[in-house]
Amino acid sequence: MKLSFENLKNEIAEILDINSDEVHTDTALTGSDHWDSFAMLSAVALVTQYTEKQVSLGDLSNLATVNDFVSLLQNLKES
């Protein structure tokens, strides 16, 4: 599966515990009540699932938007 926003949108919505129609590339992660430690742990699992690589919560805490998260996944998959 290609790691694109459209392909990951539903899983990102599940991580953030919001409806998928509320998820956009510019959806803020930083400062969002939905981007809590549980969401970050779920995001770590998603990264591992799709890239077979590990990231830390620190790596994820620096992400400002959903687009940043998708870019991280794409970069890890390519490396």
Protein backbone atom coordinates (compact mmCIF):
# COMPACT_ATOMS: atom_id res chain seq x y z
CA MET A 1 0.00 0.00 0.00
CA LYS A 2 1.18 3.46 -0.87
CA LEU A 3 1.64 5.62 2.19
CA SER A 4 -0.44 8.62 1.22
CA PHE A 5 -2.75 10.86 3.20
CA GLU A 6 -5.82 9.37 1.55
CA ASN A 7 -4.73 5.81 2.36
CA LEU A 8 -3.90 6.67 5.97
CA LYS A 9 -6.74 9.08 6.71
CA ASN A 10 -9.05 6.59 8.45
CA GLU A 11 -6.27 5.20 10.63
CA ILE A 12 -5.14 8.70 11.58
CA ALA A 13 -8.73 9.57 12.50
CA GLU A 14 -8.88 6.47 14.68
CA ILE A 15 -5.62 7.43 16.40
CA LEU A 16 -6.94 10.95 17.06
CA ASP A 17 -10.38 9.64 18.05
CA ILE A 18 -12.17 11.91 15.58
CA ASN A 19 -14.27 11.40 12.45
CA SER A 20 -12.29 10.86 9.28
CA ASP A 21 -14.01 13.83 7.63
CA GLU A 22 -12.36 16.02 10.30
CA VAL A 23 -8.86 14.90 9.28
CA HIS A 24 -7.02 17.05 6.73
CA THR A 25 -3.35 17.43 5.88
CA ASP A 26 -3.28 20.69 7.83
CA THR A 27 -5.03 19.27 10.91
CA ALA A 28 -2.95 20.38 13.89
CA LEU A 29 -1.32 17.82 16.12
CA THR A 30 0.68 20.14 18.34
CA GLY A 31 -1.57 21.58 21.00
CA SER A 32 -4.48 19.32 20.10
CA ASP A 33 -6.31 17.57 22.93
CA HIS A 34 -6.52 14.56 20.61
CA TRP A 35 -2.73 14.29 20.23
CA ASP A 36 -2.15 12.88 23.69
CA SER A 37 0.23 10.17 24.90
CA PHE A 38 -2.24 7.40 24.01
CA ALA A 39 -2.56 8.77 20.45
CA MET A 40 1.21 8.99 20.16
CA LEU A 41 1.62 5.37 21.28
CA SER A 42 -0.94 4.34 18.67
CA ALA A 43 0.99 6.38 16.10
CA VAL A 44 4.23 4.59 17.06
CA ALA A 45 2.47 1.27 16.41
CA LEU A 46 1.23 2.53 13.02
CA VAL A 47 4.75 3.64 12.05
CA THR A 48 6.12 0.22 12.98
CA GLN A 49 3.33 -1.57 11.13
CA TYR A 50 3.92 0.26 7.85
CA THR A 51 7.66 0.90 7.92
CA GLU A 52 9.05 -1.83 10.20
CA LYS A 53 11.05 0.96 11.87
CA GLN A 54 10.91 2.39 15.37
CA VAL A 55 10.28 5.99 16.37
CA SER A 56 10.19 7.53 19.80
CA LEU A 57 7.50 9.63 21.39
CA GLY A 58 10.01 12.48 21.16
CA ASP A 59 10.10 12.08 17.38
CA LEU A 60 6.32 12.34 17.26
CA SER A 61 6.03 15.22 19.69
CA ASN A 62 7.81 17.44 17.15
CA LEU A 63 5.14 16.91 14.49
CA ALA A 64 2.90 19.94 13.98
CA THR A 65 0.34 18.61 11.49
CA VAL A 66 -1.09 15.42 10.03
CA ASN A 67 0.95 16.14 6.90
CA ASP A 68 4.13 16.04 9.02
CA PHE A 69 3.10 12.60 10.29
CA VAL A 70 2.38 11.30 6.78
CA SER A 71 5.74 12.70 5.58
CA LEU A 72 7.51 10.95 8.45
CA LEU A 73 5.92 7.64 7.46
CA GLN A 74 6.83 8.13 3.80
CA ASN A 75 10.45 9.06 4.61
CA LEU A 76 10.89 6.10 6.94
CA LYS A 77 9.39 3.73 4.38
CA GLU A 78 11.80 4.96 1.70
CA SER A 79 14.90 4.81 3.88
